[in-house]
């Protein structure tokens, strides 16, 4: 079981681009909250960038792209999902 989890983590970090990683992270977090359309990040964006294997600047640019595309709305650590289907499409690319 631990080995499978490690393999999924390696695939997540190695095979996906940053927008895909972020979209997947947000979808998993929202599913943990019962498929809510709003989640609160449990960590800062700096810490999230470390989890996703990127820099804070890159993560900030990806968030900005998602906001500009009307996929997400941000208020501090709160993330409101405006278009779940687009987010799912990005996570599966």
PDB file of N, CA and C in Angstrom:
ATOM      1  N   UNK A   1       0.826  -1.183   0.000  1.00  0.00           N
ATOM      2  CA  UNK A   1       0.000   0.000   0.000  1.00  0.00           C
ATOM      3  C   UNK A   1       0.882   1.264   0.000  1.00  0.00           C
ATOM      4  N   UNK A   2       1.933   1.259   0.836  1.00  0.00           N
ATOM      5  CA  UNK A   2       2.855   2.400   0.865  1.00  0.00           C
ATOM      6  C   UNK A   2       3.584   2.546  -0.457  1.00  0.00           C
ATOM      7  N   UNK A   3       3.925   1.428  -1.057  1.00  0.00           N
ATOM      8  CA  UNK A   3       4.629   1.458  -2.341  1.00  0.00           C
ATOM      9  C   UNK A   3       3.732   2.079  -3.412  1.00  0.00           C
ATOM     10  N   UNK A   4       2.473   1.692  -3.454  1.00  0.00           N
ATOM     11  CA  UNK A   4       1.539   2.274  -4.424  1.00  0.00           C
ATOM     12  C   UNK A   4       1.378   3.777  -4.211  1.00  0.00           C
ATOM     13  N   UNK A   5       1.324   4.200  -2.966  1.00  0.00           N
ATOM     14  CA  UNK A   5       1.208   5.626  -2.672  1.00  0.00           C
ATOM     15  C   UNK A   5       2.458   6.372  -3.144  1.00  0.00           C
ATOM     16  N   UNK A   6       3.622   5.796  -2.938  1.00  0.00           N
ATOM     17  CA  UNK A   6       4.873   6.408  -3.398  1.00  0.00           C
ATOM     18  C   UNK A   6       4.911   6.499  -4.928  1.00  0.00           C
ATOM     19  N   UNK A   7       4.450   5.467  -5.588  1.00  0.00           N
ATOM     20  CA  UNK A   7       4.424   5.463  -7.056  1.00  0.00           C
ATOM     21  C   UNK A   7       3.483   6.551  -7.566  1.00  0.00           C
ATOM     22  N   UNK A   8       2.306   6.685  -6.954  1.00  0.00           N
ATOM     23  CA  UNK A   8       1.357   7.738  -7.354  1.00  0.00           C
ATOM     24  C   UNK A   8       1.960   9.120  -7.146  1.00  0.00           C
ATOM     25  N   UNK A   9       2.686   9.300  -6.045  1.00  0.00           N
ATOM     26  CA  UNK A   9       3.312  10.590  -5.765  1.00  0.00           C
ATOM     27  C   UNK A   9       4.379  10.913  -6.804  1.00  0.00           C
ATOM     28  N   UNK A  10       5.195   9.932  -7.145  1.00  0.00           N
ATOM     29  CA  UNK A  10       6.244  10.142  -8.154  1.00  0.00           C
ATOM     30  C   UNK A  10       5.611  10.461  -9.504  1.00  0.00           C
ATOM     31  N   UNK A  11       4.585   9.726  -9.891  1.00  0.00           N
ATOM     32  CA  UNK A  11       3.892  10.006 -11.150  1.00  0.00           C
ATOM     33  C   UNK A  11       3.294  11.402 -11.136  1.00  0.00           C
ATOM     34  N   UNK A  12       2.702  11.774 -10.015  1.00  0.00           N
ATOM     35  CA  UNK A  12       2.086  13.087  -9.878  1.00  0.00           C
ATOM     36  C   UNK A  12       3.116  14.190 -10.095  1.00  0.00           C
ATOM     37  N   UNK A  13       4.294  14.039  -9.491  1.00  0.00           N
ATOM     38  CA  UNK A  13       5.308  15.078  -9.590  1.00  0.00           C
ATOM     39  C   UNK A  13       6.103  15.027 -10.891  1.00  0.00           C
ATOM     40  N   UNK A  14       6.267  13.858 -11.448  1.00  0.00           N
ATOM     41  CA  UNK A  14       7.130  13.736 -12.617  1.00  0.00           C
ATOM     42  C   UNK A  14       6.397  13.850 -13.946  1.00  0.00           C
ATOM     43  N   UNK A  15       5.177  13.413 -14.001  1.00  0.00           N
ATOM     44  CA  UNK A  15       4.492  13.308 -15.278  1.00  0.00           C
ATOM     45  C   UNK A  15       3.506  14.436 -15.563  1.00  0.00           C
ATOM     46  N   UNK A  16       3.227  15.258 -14.581  1.00  0.00           N
ATOM     47  CA  UNK A  16       2.261  16.326 -14.791  1.00  0.00           C
ATOM     48  C   UNK A  16       2.948  17.679 -14.727  1.00  0.00           C
ATOM     49  N   UNK A  17       2.413  18.616 -15.515  1.00  0.00           N
ATOM     50  CA  UNK A  17       2.886  19.994 -15.471  1.00  0.00           C
ATOM     51  C   UNK A  17       2.244  20.697 -14.280  1.00  0.00           C
ATOM     52  N   UNK A  18       2.748  21.863 -13.947  1.00  0.00           N
ATOM     53  CA  UNK A  18       2.275  22.586 -12.768  1.00  0.00           C
ATOM     54  C   UNK A  18       0.766  22.870 -12.811  1.00  0.00           C
ATOM     55  N   UNK A  19       0.202  23.353 -13.920  1.00  0.00           N
ATOM     56  CA  UNK A  19      -1.256  23.571 -13.917  1.00  0.00           C
ATOM     57  C   UNK A  19      -2.042  22.286 -13.629  1.00  0.00           C
ATOM     58  N   UNK A  20      -1.568  21.163 -14.158  1.00  0.00           N
ATOM     59  CA  UNK A  20      -2.241  19.887 -13.904  1.00  0.00           C
ATOM     60  C   UNK A  20      -2.126  19.498 -12.438  1.00  0.00           C
ATOM     61  N   UNK A  21      -0.945  19.704 -11.861  1.00  0.00           N
ATOM     62  CA  UNK A  21      -0.747  19.373 -10.443  1.00  0.00           C
ATOM     63  C   UNK A  21      -1.658  20.215  -9.563  1.00  0.00           C
ATOM     64  N   UNK A  22      -1.722  21.520  -9.853  1.00  0.00           N
ATOM     65  CA  UNK A  22      -2.548  22.403  -9.041  1.00  0.00           C
ATOM     66  C   UNK A  22      -4.029  22.053  -9.190  1.00  0.00           C
ATOM     67  N   UNK A  23      -4.470  21.818 -10.407  1.00  0.00           N
ATOM     68  CA  UNK A  23      -5.869  21.449 -10.633  1.00  0.00           C
ATOM     69  C   UNK A  23      -6.209  20.157  -9.882  1.00  0.00           C
ATOM     70  N   UNK A  24      -5.331  19.170  -9.961  1.00  0.00           N
ATOM     71  CA  UNK A  24      -5.559  17.905  -9.253  1.00  0.00           C
ATOM     72  C   UNK A  24      -5.616  18.121  -7.748  1.00  0.00           C
ATOM     73  N   UNK A  25      -4.698  18.917  -7.238  1.00  0.00           N
ATOM     74  CA  UNK A  25      -4.665  19.190  -5.805  1.00  0.00           C
ATOM     75  C   UNK A  25      -5.983  19.824  -5.349  1.00  0.00           C
ATOM     76  N   UNK A  26      -6.448  20.822  -6.085  1.00  0.00           N
ATOM     77  CA  UNK A  26      -7.684  21.519  -5.713  1.00  0.00           C
ATOM     78  C   UNK A  26      -8.882  20.571  -5.782  1.00  0.00           C
ATOM     79  N   UNK A  27      -8.930  19.737  -6.816  1.00  0.00           N
ATOM     80  CA  UNK A  27     -10.048  18.791  -6.942  1.00  0.00           C
ATOM     81  C   UNK A  27     -10.048  17.775  -5.813  1.00  0.00           C
ATOM     82  N   UNK A  28      -8.878  17.259  -5.463  1.00  0.00           N
ATOM     83  CA  UNK A  28      -8.793  16.299  -4.357  1.00  0.00           C
ATOM     84  C   UNK A  28      -9.199  16.973  -3.056  1.00  0.00           C
ATOM     85  N   UNK A  29      -8.730  18.198  -2.832  1.00  0.00           N
ATOM     86  CA  UNK A  29      -9.084  18.921  -1.611  1.00  0.00           C
ATOM     87  C   UNK A  29     -10.585  19.182  -1.541  1.00  0.00           C
ATOM     88  N   UNK A  30     -11.195  19.510  -2.673  1.00  0.00           N
ATOM     89  CA  UNK A  30     -12.636  19.769  -2.662  1.00  0.00           C
ATOM     90  C   UNK A  30     -13.419  18.476  -2.461  1.00  0.00           C
ATOM     91  N   UNK A  31     -12.919  17.366  -2.989  1.00  0.00           N
ATOM     92  CA  UNK A  31     -13.581  16.076  -2.781  1.00  0.00           C
ATOM     93  C   UNK A  31     -13.507  15.664  -1.321  1.00  0.00           C
ATOM     94  N   UNK A  32     -12.406  15.988  -0.644  1.00  0.00           N
ATOM     95  CA  UNK A  32     -12.268  15.669   0.778  1.00  0.00           C
ATOM     96  C   UNK A  32     -13.259  16.455   1.621  1.00  0.00           C
ATOM     97  N   UNK A  33     -13.656  17.616   1.117  1.00  0.00           N
ATOM     98  CA  UNK A  33     -14.645  18.442   1.812  1.00  0.00           C
ATOM     99  C   UNK A  33     -16.063  18.142   1.341  1.00  0.00           C
ATOM    100  N   UNK A  34     -16.261  17.038   0.646  1.00  0.00           N
ATOM    101  CA  UNK A  34     -17.596  16.666   0.187  1.00  0.00           C
ATOM    102  C   UNK A  34     -17.992  17.348  -1.102  1.00  0.00           C
ATOM    103  N   UNK A  35     -17.042  17.497  -2.009  1.00  0.00           N
ATOM    104  CA  UNK A  35     -17.267  18.111  -3.323  1.00  0.00           C
ATOM    105  C   UNK A  35     -17.806  19.531  -3.205  1.00  0.00           C
ATOM    106  N   UNK A  36     -17.298  20.257  -2.239  1.00  0.00           N
ATOM    107  CA  UNK A  36     -17.697  21.651  -2.081  1.00  0.00           C
ATOM    108  C   UNK A  36     -17.048  22.498  -3.169  1.00  0.00           C
ATOM    109  N   UNK A  37     -17.652  23.607  -3.477  1.00  0.00           N
ATOM    110  CA  UNK A  37     -17.105  24.495  -4.498  1.00  0.00           C
ATOM    111  C   UNK A  37     -16.181  25.539  -3.884  1.00  0.00           C
ATOM    112  N   UNK A  38     -15.970  25.467  -2.567  1.00  0.00           N
ATOM    113  CA  UNK A  38     -15.032  26.376  -1.932  1.00  0.00           C
ATOM    114  C   UNK A  38     -14.197  25.595  -0.931  1.00  0.00           C
ATOM    115  N   UNK A  39     -12.894  25.802  -1.011  1.00  0.00           N
ATOM    116  CA  UNK A  39     -11.992  25.149  -0.070  1.00  0.00           C
ATOM    117  C   UNK A  39     -11.085  26.195   0.543  1.00  0.00           C
ATOM    118  N   UNK A  40     -10.514  25.860   1.652  1.00  0.00           N
ATOM    119  CA  UNK A  40      -9.528  26.734   2.294  1.00  0.00           C
ATOM    120  C   UNK A  40      -8.208  25.978   2.316  1.00  0.00           C
ATOM    121  N   UNK A  41      -7.172  26.604   1.761  1.00  0.00           N
ATOM    122  CA  UNK A  41      -5.862  25.964   1.740  1.00  0.00           C
ATOM    123  C   UNK A  41      -5.368  25.775   3.166  1.00  0.00           C
ATOM    124  N   UNK A  42      -4.932  24.558   3.515  1.00  0.00           N
ATOM    125  CA  UNK A  42      -4.441  24.320   4.865  1.00  0.00           C
ATOM    126  C   UNK A  42      -3.028  24.859   5.076  1.00  0.00           C
ATOM    127  N   UNK A  43      -2.380  25.283   3.994  1.00  0.00           N
ATOM    128  CA  UNK A  43      -1.008  25.789   4.058  1.00  0.00           C
ATOM    129  C   UNK A  43      -0.912  27.067   3.221  1.00  0.00           C
ATOM    130  N   UNK A  44       0.189  27.776   3.394  1.00  0.00           N
ATOM    131  CA  UNK A  44       0.404  28.983   2.587  1.00  0.00           C
ATOM    132  C   UNK A  44       0.725  28.576   1.146  1.00  0.00           C
ATOM    133  N   UNK A  45       0.656  29.553   0.242  1.00  0.00           N
ATOM    134  CA  UNK A  45       1.002  29.263  -1.155  1.00  0.00           C
ATOM    135  C   UNK A  45       2.464  28.863  -1.272  1.00  0.00           C
ATOM    136  N   UNK A  46       3.327  29.405  -0.412  1.00  0.00           N
ATOM    137  CA  UNK A  46       4.740  29.015  -0.413  1.00  0.00           C
ATOM    138  C   UNK A  46       4.879  27.524  -0.093  1.00  0.00           C
ATOM    139  N   UNK A  47       4.170  27.079   0.937  1.00  0.00           N
ATOM    140  CA  UNK A  47       4.213  25.658   1.300  1.00  0.00           C
ATOM    141  C   UNK A  47       3.579  24.797   0.212  1.00  0.00           C
ATOM    142  N   UNK A  48       2.483  25.271  -0.372  1.00  0.00           N
ATOM    143  CA  UNK A  48       1.832  24.518  -1.439  1.00  0.00           C
ATOM    144  C   UNK A  48       2.764  24.367  -2.637  1.00  0.00           C
ATOM    145  N   UNK A  49       3.525  25.405  -2.927  1.00  0.00           N
ATOM    146  CA  UNK A  49       4.469  25.310  -4.047  1.00  0.00           C
ATOM    147  C   UNK A  49       5.492  24.208  -3.787  1.00  0.00           C
ATOM    148  N   UNK A  50       5.916  24.055  -2.551  1.00  0.00           N
ATOM    149  CA  UNK A  50       6.853  22.967  -2.211  1.00  0.00           C
ATOM    150  C   UNK A  50       6.197  21.595  -2.396  1.00  0.00           C
ATOM    151  N   UNK A  51       4.949  21.486  -1.962  1.00  0.00           N
ATOM    152  CA  UNK A  51       4.218  20.225  -2.105  1.00  0.00           C
ATOM    153  C   UNK A  51       4.086  19.850  -3.580  1.00  0.00           C
ATOM    154  N   UNK A  52       3.835  20.860  -4.423  1.00  0.00           N
ATOM    155  CA  UNK A  52       3.622  20.613  -5.849  1.00  0.00           C
ATOM    156  C   UNK A  52       4.919  20.574  -6.645  1.00  0.00           C
ATOM    157  N   UNK A  53       6.041  20.835  -5.988  1.00  0.00           N
ATOM    158  CA  UNK A  53       7.335  20.744  -6.656  1.00  0.00           C
ATOM    159  C   UNK A  53       7.607  21.888  -7.611  1.00  0.00           C
ATOM    160  N   UNK A  54       7.281  23.107  -7.192  1.00  0.00           N
ATOM    161  CA  UNK A  54       7.499  24.278  -8.034  1.00  0.00           C
ATOM    162  C   UNK A  54       7.922  25.456  -7.169  1.00  0.00           C
ATOM    163  N   UNK A  55       8.080  26.603  -7.787  1.00  0.00           N
ATOM    164  CA  UNK A  55       8.425  27.816  -7.040  1.00  0.00           C
ATOM    165  C   UNK A  55       7.153  28.591  -6.710  1.00  0.00           C
ATOM    166  N   UNK A  56       7.201  29.418  -5.669  1.00  0.00           N
ATOM    167  CA  UNK A  56       6.023  30.236  -5.342  1.00  0.00           C
ATOM    168  C   UNK A  56       5.616  31.150  -6.492  1.00  0.00           C
ATOM    169  N   UNK A  57       6.589  31.673  -7.231  1.00  0.00           N
ATOM    170  CA  UNK A  57       6.296  32.564  -8.351  1.00  0.00           C
ATOM    171  C   UNK A  57       5.529  31.841  -9.452  1.00  0.00           C
ATOM    172  N   UNK A  58       5.969  30.633  -9.783  1.00  0.00           N
ATOM    173  CA  UNK A  58       5.284  29.845 -10.811  1.00  0.00           C
ATOM    174  C   UNK A  58       3.870  29.505 -10.363  1.00  0.00           C
ATOM    175  N   UNK A  59       3.722  29.109  -9.117  1.00  0.00           N
ATOM    176  CA  UNK A  59       2.396  28.792  -8.594  1.00  0.00           C
ATOM    177  C   UNK A  59       1.481  30.014  -8.648  1.00  0.00           C
ATOM    178  N   UNK A  60       2.015  31.159  -8.300  1.00  0.00           N
ATOM    179  CA  UNK A  60       1.241  32.394  -8.351  1.00  0.00           C
ATOM    180  C   UNK A  60       0.781  32.700  -9.776  1.00  0.00           C
ATOM    181  N   UNK A  61       1.651  32.471 -10.766  1.00  0.00           N
ATOM    182  CA  UNK A  61       1.273  32.704 -12.162  1.00  0.00           C
ATOM    183  C   UNK A  61       0.180  31.740 -12.609  1.00  0.00           C
ATOM    184  N   UNK A  62       0.253  30.503 -12.173  1.00  0.00           N
ATOM    185  CA  UNK A  62      -0.771  29.514 -12.545  1.00  0.00           C
ATOM    186  C   UNK A  62      -2.107  29.882 -11.902  1.00  0.00           C
ATOM    187  N   UNK A  63      -2.078  30.278 -10.630  1.00  0.00           N
ATOM    188  CA  UNK A  63      -3.311  30.746  -9.984  1.00  0.00           C
ATOM    189  C   UNK A  63      -3.894  31.916 -10.768  1.00  0.00           C
ATOM    190  N   UNK A  64      -3.035  32.854 -11.173  1.00  0.00           N
ATOM    191  CA  UNK A  64      -3.505  34.034 -11.920  1.00  0.00           C
ATOM    192  C   UNK A  64      -4.148  33.621 -13.242  1.00  0.00           C
ATOM    193  N   UNK A  65      -3.560  32.635 -13.932  1.00  0.00           N
ATOM    194  CA  UNK A  65      -4.155  32.148 -15.192  1.00  0.00           C
ATOM    195  C   UNK A  65      -5.523  31.541 -14.949  1.00  0.00           C
ATOM    196  N   UNK A  66      -5.655  30.753 -13.866  1.00  0.00           N
ATOM    197  CA  UNK A  66      -6.934  30.133 -13.537  1.00  0.00           C
ATOM    198  C   UNK A  66      -7.984  31.195 -13.212  1.00  0.00           C
ATOM    199  N   UNK A  67      -7.569  32.236 -12.510  1.00  0.00           N
ATOM    200  CA  UNK A  67      -8.495  33.323 -12.173  1.00  0.00           C
ATOM    201  C   UNK A  67      -8.915  34.058 -13.443  1.00  0.00           C
ATOM    202  N   UNK A  68      -7.953  34.376 -14.302  1.00  0.00           N
ATOM    203  CA  UNK A  68      -8.242  35.096 -15.546  1.00  0.00           C
ATOM    204  C   UNK A  68      -9.172  34.289 -16.457  1.00  0.00           C
ATOM    205  N   UNK A  69      -9.042  32.953 -16.425  1.00  0.00           N
ATOM    206  CA  UNK A  69      -9.880  32.081 -17.251  1.00  0.00           C
ATOM    207  C   UNK A  69     -11.228  31.778 -16.594  1.00  0.00           C
ATOM    208  N   UNK A  70     -11.508  32.432 -15.466  1.00  0.00           N
ATOM    209  CA  UNK A  70     -12.764  32.230 -14.725  1.00  0.00           C
ATOM    210  C   UNK A  70     -12.966  30.785 -14.287  1.00  0.00           C
ATOM    211  N   UNK A  71     -11.873  30.157 -13.881  1.00  0.00           N
ATOM    212  CA  UNK A  71     -11.940  28.801 -13.340  1.00  0.00           C
ATOM    213  C   UNK A  71     -11.997  28.853 -11.822  1.00  0.00           C
ATOM    214  N   UNK A  72     -11.233  29.780 -11.241  1.00  0.00           N
ATOM    215  CA  UNK A  72     -11.163  29.940  -9.785  1.00  0.00           C
ATOM    216  C   UNK A  72     -11.350  31.394  -9.401  1.00  0.00           C
ATOM    217  N   UNK A  73     -11.704  31.576  -8.143  1.00  0.00           N
ATOM    218  CA  UNK A  73     -11.713  32.898  -7.531  1.00  0.00           C
ATOM    219  C   UNK A  73     -10.959  32.744  -6.209  1.00  0.00           C
ATOM    220  N   UNK A  74     -10.026  33.641  -5.933  1.00  0.00           N
ATOM    221  CA  UNK A  74      -9.208  33.548  -4.731  1.00  0.00           C
ATOM    222  C   UNK A  74      -9.521  34.686  -3.775  1.00  0.00           C
ATOM    223  N   UNK A  75      -9.545  34.330  -2.497  1.00  0.00           N
ATOM    224  CA  UNK A  75      -9.659  35.322  -1.421  1.00  0.00           C
ATOM    225  C   UNK A  75      -8.785  34.823  -0.285  1.00  0.00           C
ATOM    226  N   UNK A  76      -7.533  35.291  -0.259  1.00  0.00           N
ATOM    227  CA  UNK A  76      -6.593  34.793   0.748  1.00  0.00           C
ATOM    228  C   UNK A  76      -6.333  33.315   0.516  1.00  0.00           C
ATOM    229  N   UNK A  77      -6.592  32.527   1.542  1.00  0.00           N
ATOM    230  CA  UNK A  77      -6.413  31.068   1.404  1.00  0.00           C
ATOM    231  C   UNK A  77      -7.675  30.366   0.913  1.00  0.00           C
ATOM    232  N   UNK A  78      -8.753  31.104   0.752  1.00  0.00           N
ATOM    233  CA  UNK A  78     -10.004  30.513   0.267  1.00  0.00           C
ATOM    234  C   UNK A  78      -9.994  30.467  -1.257  1.00  0.00           C
ATOM    235  N   UNK A  79     -10.351  29.313  -1.786  1.00  0.00           N
ATOM    236  CA  UNK A  79     -10.424  29.105  -3.233  1.00  0.00           C
ATOM    237  C   UNK A  79     -11.858  28.711  -3.562  1.00  0.00           C
ATOM    238  N   UNK A  80     -12.478  29.497  -4.420  1.00  0.00           N
ATOM    239  CA  UNK A  80     -13.839  29.188  -4.867  1.00  0.00           C
ATOM    240  C   UNK A  80     -13.740  28.646  -6.295  1.00  0.00           C
ATOM    241  N   UNK A  81     -14.236  27.447  -6.517  1.00  0.00           N
ATOM    242  CA  UNK A  81     -14.200  26.824  -7.837  1.00  0.00           C
ATOM    243  C   UNK A  81     -15.386  27.345  -8.642  1.00  0.00           C
ATOM    244  N   UNK A  82     -15.077  28.058  -9.719  1.00  0.00           N
ATOM    245  CA  UNK A  82     -16.121  28.613 -10.574  1.00  0.00           C
ATOM    246  C   UNK A  82     -16.512  27.659 -11.696  1.00  0.00           C
ATOM    247  N   UNK A  83     -15.538  26.882 -12.184  1.00  0.00           N
ATOM    248  CA  UNK A  83     -15.801  25.967 -13.299  1.00  0.00           C
ATOM    249  C   UNK A  83     -15.086  24.633 -13.059  1.00  0.00           C
ATOM    250  N   UNK A  84     -15.805  23.738 -12.376  1.00  0.00           N
ATOM    251  CA  UNK A  84     -15.222  22.436 -12.019  1.00  0.00           C
ATOM    252  C   UNK A  84     -14.860  21.621 -13.255  1.00  0.00           C
ATOM    253  N   UNK A  85     -15.659  21.681 -14.304  1.00  0.00           N
ATOM    254  CA  UNK A  85     -15.382  20.866 -15.486  1.00  0.00           C
ATOM    255  C   UNK A  85     -14.078  21.294 -16.175  1.00  0.00           C
ATOM    256  N   UNK A  86     -13.811  22.600 -16.230  1.00  0.00           N
ATOM    257  CA  UNK A  86     -12.545  23.064 -16.801  1.00  0.00           C
ATOM    258  C   UNK A  86     -11.381  22.606 -15.935  1.00  0.00           C
ATOM    259  N   UNK A  87     -11.559  22.675 -14.620  1.00  0.00           N
ATOM    260  CA  UNK A  87     -10.520  22.243 -13.701  1.00  0.00           C
ATOM    261  C   UNK A  87     -10.236  20.752 -13.881  1.00  0.00           C
ATOM    262  N   UNK A  88     -11.291  19.957 -14.054  1.00  0.00           N
ATOM    263  CA  UNK A  88     -11.125  18.526 -14.299  1.00  0.00           C
ATOM    264  C   UNK A  88     -10.415  18.265 -15.610  1.00  0.00           C
ATOM    265  N   UNK A  89     -10.764  19.041 -16.647  1.00  0.00           N
ATOM    266  CA  UNK A  89     -10.091  18.896 -17.950  1.00  0.00           C
ATOM    267  C   UNK A  89      -8.597  19.180 -17.820  1.00  0.00           C
ATOM    268  N   UNK A  90      -8.245  20.225 -17.103  1.00  0.00           N
ATOM    269  CA  UNK A  90      -6.837  20.574 -16.925  1.00  0.00           C
ATOM    270  C   UNK A  90      -6.111  19.476 -16.167  1.00  0.00           C
ATOM    271  N   UNK A  91      -6.719  18.940 -15.139  1.00  0.00           N
ATOM    272  CA  UNK A  91      -6.046  17.924 -14.319  1.00  0.00           C
ATOM    273  C   UNK A  91      -5.814  16.632 -15.107  1.00  0.00           C
ATOM    274  N   UNK A  92      -6.631  16.384 -16.135  1.00  0.00           N
ATOM    275  CA  UNK A  92      -6.515  15.139 -16.915  1.00  0.00           C
ATOM    276  C   UNK A  92      -5.675  15.277 -18.156  1.00  0.00           C
ATOM    277  N   UNK A  93      -5.235  16.501 -18.516  1.00  0.00           N
ATOM    278  CA  UNK A  93      -4.443  16.701 -19.737  1.00  0.00           C
ATOM    279  C   UNK A  93      -3.163  15.899 -19.700  1.00  0.00           C
TER     280      UNK A  93
END
